[in-house]
Every structure is written in structure tokens, then in C-alpha cells.
């Protein structure tokens, strides 16, 4: 006979899986409308988070990809019309290349983010303020339990 915890785990896993699948589907559709793939969007997001400029190897490590795979992603972003990123050699280390976000890359990222936030606004708008705060508190607690901040 399943325990209460086992039942809760099954329900939680089912709900979490549905949320993740739905989010991935919506994200992919939104990105496709902006002519981006999820990996390309995550490169733009990483650049935004790092002030618009970052060594390509650092971006690759952040996404657990090889430098060769990241180079391919960056080349496609650079080949976009207009280019979303540009590569610059590192003057201090000739083996290293910086990836710099262009104005078009920033604008594309912000447009995607705006669309995603509008969807989230519509979803959260059906909840009361108290329900939203409860949801935020529960998600925050969950994240703290499963993904504590990295210690430096």
C-alpha cells in the first residue's frame, strides 16, 4: 500500500512534468515566431546576464556544451539578418574569442522576453494576490531545496 508521501510524490511529479512539457512547448513556439531555437535564445540570455560580452568558452561551459557546438550556435546567431551577435578575438589570449551581443540581439531577446511575460501575466492574472504569493513562496522553497546557490 502506497504511503501518503508516495502518493504526493506521484501527484507532484505528474504536475511538474505537465508544467515542464507545456512550458517547453510554449517556449519553442514563441522562439520559432522570433526565428530562434531554444539553444540560441539561451545564448542571448547568457550574454544579457553577463553584460553583453563573454568568452565563447564561458558560454559553452554555462550550457554544458563543447566549444565546437557553441561555435556553431554562435555562427548561426552571427549569420542572422541582422546579426544578433558578433565574435571578436581576445587581444590578451589569441586562442579565446569574445561573443558580443548586438543591438539587434538585445532587441530580439527583449521581444521574446516580453511575449513570455505577457503569457505569464495572463496565467497569473486568474489567481488572487494571495494565491500568487503562495505559489511564489512554494516555488522559492522548492528551488532552495533542490538547487541551492553555488558557493563561491
Protein backbone atom coordinates (compact mmCIF):
# COMPACT_ATOMS: atom_id res chain seq x y z
CA UNK A 1 0.00 0.00 0.00
CA UNK A 2 1.39 3.38 -1.03
CA UNK A 3 2.15 5.86 1.71
CA UNK A 4 0.83 9.40 1.74
CA UNK A 5 4.32 10.61 0.78
CA UNK A 6 4.45 8.19 -2.17
CA UNK A 7 1.06 9.44 -3.34
CA UNK A 8 2.20 13.07 -3.00
CA UNK A 9 5.37 12.29 -4.94
CA UNK A 10 3.35 10.76 -7.79
CA UNK A 11 0.99 13.73 -7.95
CA UNK A 12 3.82 16.26 -7.69
CA UNK A 13 5.89 14.52 -10.39
CA UNK A 14 2.89 14.33 -12.73
CA UNK A 15 2.09 18.03 -12.26
CA UNK A 16 5.71 19.11 -12.55
CA UNK A 17 6.15 17.07 -15.74
CA UNK A 18 3.00 18.61 -17.25
CA UNK A 19 4.22 22.11 -16.39
CA UNK A 20 7.67 21.47 -17.87
CA UNK A 21 6.29 19.95 -21.08
CA UNK A 22 3.77 22.75 -21.54
CA UNK A 23 6.45 25.38 -20.85
CA UNK A 24 8.86 23.82 -23.34
CA UNK A 25 6.14 23.67 -25.99
CA UNK A 26 5.13 27.30 -25.44
CA UNK A 27 8.74 28.47 -25.32
CA UNK A 28 9.61 26.65 -28.56
CA UNK A 29 6.57 28.14 -30.33
CA UNK A 30 7.37 31.62 -29.05
CA UNK A 31 11.01 31.34 -30.08
CA UNK A 32 10.09 30.00 -33.52
CA UNK A 33 7.89 33.08 -34.00
CA UNK A 34 11.04 35.13 -33.33
CA UNK A 35 13.16 32.91 -35.61
CA UNK A 36 15.20 31.45 -32.73
CA UNK A 37 15.83 27.98 -31.37
CA UNK A 38 15.88 27.37 -27.60
CA UNK A 39 19.70 26.98 -27.55
CA UNK A 40 20.11 30.25 -29.47
CA UNK A 41 17.80 32.03 -27.02
CA UNK A 42 19.80 30.70 -24.08
CA UNK A 43 23.00 32.08 -25.63
CA UNK A 44 21.36 35.51 -25.93
CA UNK A 45 20.09 35.20 -22.34
CA UNK A 46 23.58 34.33 -21.09
CA UNK A 47 25.03 37.34 -22.89
CA UNK A 48 22.36 39.62 -21.42
CA UNK A 49 23.14 38.28 -17.94
CA UNK A 50 26.87 38.85 -18.44
CA UNK A 51 26.65 42.43 -19.64
CA UNK A 52 26.51 41.70 -23.39
CA UNK A 53 30.02 40.28 -23.81
CA UNK A 54 31.51 36.95 -22.81
CA UNK A 55 34.21 34.46 -23.88
CA UNK A 56 32.71 31.72 -26.03
CA UNK A 57 34.19 29.04 -23.78
CA UNK A 58 32.42 30.50 -20.76
CA UNK A 59 29.09 30.39 -22.58
CA UNK A 60 29.76 26.78 -23.60
CA UNK A 61 30.56 25.79 -20.00
CA UNK A 62 27.45 27.56 -18.70
CA UNK A 63 25.34 25.38 -21.01
CA UNK A 64 27.37 22.18 -20.66
CA UNK A 65 28.26 22.21 -24.35
CA UNK A 66 31.54 21.75 -26.15
CA UNK A 67 33.30 24.77 -27.60
CA UNK A 68 32.70 23.33 -31.08
CA UNK A 69 28.95 23.07 -30.51
CA UNK A 70 28.85 26.60 -29.07
CA UNK A 71 30.86 27.89 -32.04
CA UNK A 72 28.16 26.52 -34.36
CA UNK A 73 25.40 28.19 -32.35
CA UNK A 74 27.27 31.50 -32.30
CA UNK A 75 27.94 31.31 -36.05
CA UNK A 76 24.21 30.93 -36.72
CA UNK A 77 23.41 33.90 -34.47
CA UNK A 78 26.12 35.89 -36.25
CA UNK A 79 24.70 34.92 -39.66
CA UNK A 80 21.20 36.13 -38.77
CA UNK A 81 19.97 39.18 -40.64
CA UNK A 82 20.65 41.47 -38.90
CA UNK A 83 23.39 39.72 -36.88
CA UNK A 84 22.38 39.03 -33.28
CA UNK A 85 25.96 38.59 -32.04
CA UNK A 86 29.45 39.20 -33.28
CA UNK A 87 32.71 37.47 -32.47
CA UNK A 88 35.84 39.36 -31.50
CA UNK A 89 39.30 37.95 -30.91
CA UNK A 90 40.63 38.25 -27.38
CA UNK A 91 43.68 40.53 -27.61
CA UNK A 92 45.13 39.03 -24.41
CA UNK A 93 44.65 35.38 -25.48
CA UNK A 94 44.67 34.61 -29.20
CA UNK A 95 43.03 31.22 -28.55
CA UNK A 96 39.98 32.88 -26.99
CA UNK A 97 37.09 34.61 -28.72
CA UNK A 98 34.59 37.01 -27.17
CA UNK A 99 30.96 36.92 -28.20
CA UNK A 100 29.29 40.32 -28.12
CA UNK A 101 25.56 40.94 -28.24
CA UNK A 102 24.49 43.35 -30.99
CA UNK A 103 21.66 45.86 -30.66
CA UNK A 104 19.53 43.53 -32.81
CA UNK A 105 20.35 40.65 -30.46
CA UNK A 106 19.30 42.68 -27.44
CA UNK A 107 16.08 43.73 -29.16
CA UNK A 108 15.28 40.14 -30.20
CA UNK A 109 15.89 38.88 -26.65
CA UNK A 110 13.70 41.62 -25.16
CA UNK A 111 10.91 40.91 -27.67
CA UNK A 112 10.90 37.21 -26.74
CA UNK A 113 11.01 38.04 -23.05
CA UNK A 114 8.11 40.46 -23.43
CA UNK A 115 5.98 37.80 -25.15
CA UNK A 116 6.81 35.25 -22.45
CA UNK A 117 6.00 37.71 -19.67
CA UNK A 118 2.67 38.61 -21.31
CA UNK A 119 1.70 34.94 -21.30
CA UNK A 120 2.76 34.58 -17.67
CA UNK A 121 0.81 37.74 -16.80
CA UNK A 122 -2.33 36.23 -18.34
CA UNK A 123 -1.87 32.97 -16.42
CA UNK A 124 -1.12 34.60 -13.07
CA UNK A 125 -3.89 37.15 -13.51
CA UNK A 126 -6.51 34.43 -12.90
CA UNK A 127 -5.07 33.88 -9.39
CA UNK A 128 -5.70 36.07 -6.40
CA UNK A 129 -2.82 38.02 -4.93
CA UNK A 130 -2.68 35.58 -2.01
CA UNK A 131 -2.59 32.58 -4.37
CA UNK A 132 0.23 34.18 -6.37
CA UNK A 133 2.22 34.83 -3.20
CA UNK A 134 1.64 31.24 -2.06
CA UNK A 135 2.81 29.92 -5.41
CA UNK A 136 5.93 32.09 -5.35
CA UNK A 137 6.69 31.05 -1.79
CA UNK A 138 6.27 27.32 -2.58
CA UNK A 139 8.35 27.52 -5.76
CA UNK A 140 11.04 29.52 -3.96
CA UNK A 141 11.20 26.96 -1.20
CA UNK A 142 11.35 24.10 -3.72
CA UNK A 143 14.19 25.78 -5.62
CA UNK A 144 16.10 26.38 -2.37
CA UNK A 145 15.77 22.69 -1.51
CA UNK A 146 16.76 21.24 -4.88
CA UNK A 147 19.08 23.89 -6.31
CA UNK A 148 20.85 25.78 -3.54
CA UNK A 149 23.03 28.67 -4.75
CA UNK A 150 26.55 27.70 -5.77
CA UNK A 151 29.14 28.51 -3.16
CA UNK A 152 31.97 30.66 -4.37
